[in-house]
């Protein structure tokens, strides 16, 4: 049975829906960054899907901080273990690019339906990024290669090499006729 047929039988989420979720979450985080806010705890559990519409909502802003705040740039340990960017693990100064890394880990789970753990999406030494070959091998059948490319670019160990949310959004929108995205998305603003 083809992956598309399995998805139609309810055994999975259609790829166009997964890409839509990825885009909605990226737009939400980008909105925060445009307002100089770092989420600092992007993880799968903090993405809610509205029953019926399938709209993705970002939640849990307990660790969020202003990017203008010097305290946010200090070596504050925050986030959730499997989703933390290397900068946090190494107690280095960081900025909004930690959200890009964490978002990439969320996408790893979205394309593989496997949660990160000691044996799934392991961190590579020395930089603690995620191995691109593992991402490719764990992606479910039918995953758009462009989506895998976004993930690999997001989970770069070096924050200077990581993709920006502007580029993530452009690439996801550029996936063409796979999906139609509403211009309206939700973010809780505090």
Protein backbone atom coordinates (compact mmCIF):
# COMPACT_ATOMS: atom_id res chain seq x y z
CA UNK A 1 0.00 0.00 0.00
CA UNK A 2 1.33 3.44 -0.90
CA UNK A 3 2.00 6.07 1.77
CA UNK A 4 -0.75 8.27 0.27
CA UNK A 5 -3.29 5.46 0.60
CA UNK A 6 -2.26 4.80 4.23
CA UNK A 7 -2.67 8.48 5.02
CA UNK A 8 -6.13 8.48 3.45
CA UNK A 9 -7.12 5.55 5.64
CA UNK A 10 -6.34 7.63 8.73
CA UNK A 11 -3.03 5.99 9.59
CA UNK A 12 -1.16 9.26 9.20
CA UNK A 13 -1.33 12.91 8.38
CA UNK A 14 -1.16 13.91 4.72
CA UNK A 15 2.10 15.58 3.74
CA UNK A 16 0.28 18.72 2.67
CA UNK A 17 -1.14 18.95 6.22
CA UNK A 18 2.28 18.36 7.79
CA UNK A 19 3.77 21.12 5.66
CA UNK A 20 0.86 23.38 6.61
CA UNK A 21 1.58 22.69 10.30
CA UNK A 22 5.29 23.37 9.77
CA UNK A 23 4.50 26.69 8.09
CA UNK A 24 1.99 27.80 10.73
CA UNK A 25 4.47 27.10 13.53
CA UNK A 26 7.24 28.92 11.62
CA UNK A 27 4.97 31.93 11.10
CA UNK A 28 4.10 31.97 14.81
CA UNK A 29 7.73 31.88 15.93
CA UNK A 30 8.70 34.43 13.29
CA UNK A 31 5.97 36.73 14.65
CA UNK A 32 7.54 36.47 18.11
CA UNK A 33 11.00 37.19 16.71
CA UNK A 34 9.70 40.24 14.83
CA UNK A 35 8.57 41.53 18.23
CA UNK A 36 12.00 40.77 19.75
CA UNK A 37 10.76 37.78 21.77
CA UNK A 38 12.57 34.45 22.02
CA UNK A 39 10.26 31.53 22.87
CA UNK A 40 13.07 29.40 24.40
CA UNK A 41 10.95 26.24 24.73
CA UNK A 42 9.81 25.28 21.24
CA UNK A 43 8.92 21.59 21.37
CA UNK A 44 6.25 19.29 20.02
CA UNK A 45 4.23 19.43 23.22
CA UNK A 46 3.97 23.22 22.79
CA UNK A 47 2.29 22.95 19.40
CA UNK A 48 -1.46 22.45 19.66
CA UNK A 49 -3.57 21.35 16.69
CA UNK A 50 -7.16 22.60 16.58
CA UNK A 51 -9.54 19.71 16.04
CA UNK A 52 -11.46 20.10 12.81
CA UNK A 53 -9.46 22.88 11.18
CA UNK A 54 -6.02 21.39 11.76
CA UNK A 55 -4.67 24.84 12.63
CA UNK A 56 -1.40 24.76 14.57
CA UNK A 57 -1.09 27.01 17.63
CA UNK A 58 2.11 27.70 19.53
CA UNK A 59 1.71 27.77 23.31
CA UNK A 60 3.57 27.84 26.65
CA UNK A 61 5.43 31.11 26.85
CA UNK A 62 6.78 30.52 30.36
CA UNK A 63 10.43 30.64 29.26
CA UNK A 64 9.92 33.43 26.70
CA UNK A 65 12.09 36.52 27.05
CA UNK A 66 12.71 39.74 25.23
CA UNK A 67 15.65 39.52 22.87
CA UNK A 68 16.48 43.10 23.89
CA UNK A 69 16.88 41.99 27.48
CA UNK A 70 20.51 41.36 28.41
CA UNK A 71 19.32 38.61 30.77
CA UNK A 72 18.01 36.66 27.78
CA UNK A 73 21.46 36.75 26.20
CA UNK A 74 23.15 35.44 29.28
CA UNK A 75 23.89 31.79 29.70
CA UNK A 76 20.45 30.93 31.10
CA UNK A 77 19.67 27.23 30.90
CA UNK A 78 16.12 26.76 29.59
CA UNK A 79 14.07 24.66 27.24
CA UNK A 80 13.45 20.92 27.06
CA UNK A 81 16.23 18.38 26.91
CA UNK A 82 15.83 16.86 23.45
CA UNK A 83 14.91 20.16 21.80
CA UNK A 84 17.65 22.43 23.19
CA UNK A 85 20.05 24.14 20.85
CA UNK A 86 23.75 23.42 21.39
CA UNK A 87 24.30 26.98 22.63
CA UNK A 88 22.10 26.25 25.62
CA UNK A 89 23.72 22.87 26.29
CA UNK A 90 27.16 24.51 26.29
CA UNK A 91 25.98 27.49 28.42
CA UNK A 92 26.93 29.94 25.69
CA UNK A 93 25.34 33.30 24.87
CA UNK A 94 22.42 32.81 22.52
CA UNK A 95 19.76 34.65 20.57
CA UNK A 96 16.59 33.81 18.62
CA UNK A 97 18.44 31.18 16.59
CA UNK A 98 17.89 28.72 19.46
CA UNK A 99 14.22 28.69 18.44
CA UNK A 100 15.23 27.73 14.89
CA UNK A 101 17.14 24.70 16.17
CA UNK A 102 14.28 23.60 18.43
CA UNK A 103 11.83 24.08 15.56
CA UNK A 104 14.02 21.80 13.45
CA UNK A 105 13.74 19.09 16.10
CA UNK A 106 9.95 19.52 16.09
CA UNK A 107 10.04 19.01 12.33
CA UNK A 108 12.17 15.87 12.79
CA UNK A 109 9.31 14.43 14.82
CA UNK A 110 6.71 15.70 12.34
CA UNK A 111 8.32 13.91 9.38
CA UNK A 112 9.28 10.70 11.20
CA UNK A 113 6.55 10.37 13.83
CA UNK A 114 9.36 9.49 16.24
CA UNK A 115 10.08 11.54 19.36
CA UNK A 116 13.71 12.56 19.95
CA UNK A 117 15.47 10.46 22.58
CA UNK A 118 18.83 8.89 23.44
CA UNK A 119 18.49 6.65 20.38
CA UNK A 120 16.39 8.79 18.03
CA UNK A 121 17.85 11.99 16.53
CA UNK A 122 21.01 11.63 18.59
CA UNK A 123 23.33 14.57 18.97
CA UNK A 124 26.65 14.47 17.15
CA UNK A 125 29.89 15.26 18.89
CA UNK A 126 31.51 17.77 19.00
CA UNK A 127 28.88 20.36 18.04
CA UNK A 128 25.71 18.58 19.20
CA UNK A 129 23.80 19.06 15.96
CA UNK A 130 21.66 16.25 14.52
CA UNK A 131 23.04 13.93 11.85
CA UNK A 132 21.53 14.75 8.46
CA UNK A 133 21.65 11.11 7.32
CA UNK A 134 19.56 10.07 10.32
CA UNK A 135 17.00 12.75 9.45
CA UNK A 136 16.79 11.46 5.88
CA UNK A 137 16.56 7.80 6.91
CA UNK A 138 13.87 8.36 9.55
CA UNK A 139 11.59 10.53 7.37
CA UNK A 140 8.39 8.70 6.46
CA UNK A 141 7.79 7.63 2.89
CA UNK A 142 6.71 10.47 0.66
CA UNK A 143 8.33 13.24 2.69
CA UNK A 144 9.06 16.15 0.36
CA UNK A 145 12.86 16.48 -0.07
CA UNK A 146 12.51 20.27 0.31
CA UNK A 147 11.10 19.72 3.81
CA UNK A 148 14.06 17.51 4.74
CA UNK A 149 16.39 20.25 3.47
CA UNK A 150 14.67 22.79 5.75
CA UNK A 151 15.09 20.47 8.74
CA UNK A 152 18.78 19.86 8.06
CA UNK A 153 19.39 23.60 7.72
CA UNK A 154 17.52 24.28 10.98
CA UNK A 155 19.42 21.78 13.15
CA UNK A 156 22.89 23.00 12.24
CA UNK A 157 25.11 22.90 15.32
CA UNK A 158 26.64 26.29 14.47
CA UNK A 159 24.01 29.02 14.88
CA UNK A 160 25.76 31.11 12.22
CA UNK A 161 25.08 28.32 9.72
CA UNK A 162 21.42 27.85 10.69
CA UNK A 163 18.61 28.86 8.38
CA UNK A 164 16.54 31.93 9.35
CA UNK A 165 12.78 31.81 9.83
CA UNK A 166 12.39 34.13 6.85
CA UNK A 167 14.12 31.49 4.72
CA UNK A 168 12.16 28.64 6.34
CA UNK A 169 8.90 30.41 5.51
CA UNK A 170 10.00 31.19 1.96
CA UNK A 171 11.01 27.57 1.35
CA UNK A 172 7.82 26.13 2.81
CA UNK A 173 5.67 28.54 0.80
CA UNK A 174 7.79 27.68 -2.24
CA UNK A 175 6.74 24.06 -2.04
CA UNK A 176 4.03 25.18 -4.44
CA UNK A 177 0.77 23.35 -4.96
CA UNK A 178 1.25 21.01 -2.02
CA UNK A 179 -0.94 23.16 0.19
CA UNK A 180 -2.82 26.38 0.56
CA UNK A 181 -2.11 28.38 3.69
CA UNK A 182 -4.47 30.78 5.31
CA UNK A 183 -3.06 34.26 5.73
CA UNK A 184 -4.38 34.19 9.26
CA UNK A 185 -2.48 32.42 12.00
CA UNK A 186 -2.64 32.59 15.75
CA UNK A 187 -0.08 33.48 18.34
CA UNK A 188 -0.78 34.18 21.95
CA UNK A 189 0.62 37.61 22.71
CA UNK A 190 1.43 38.58 26.26
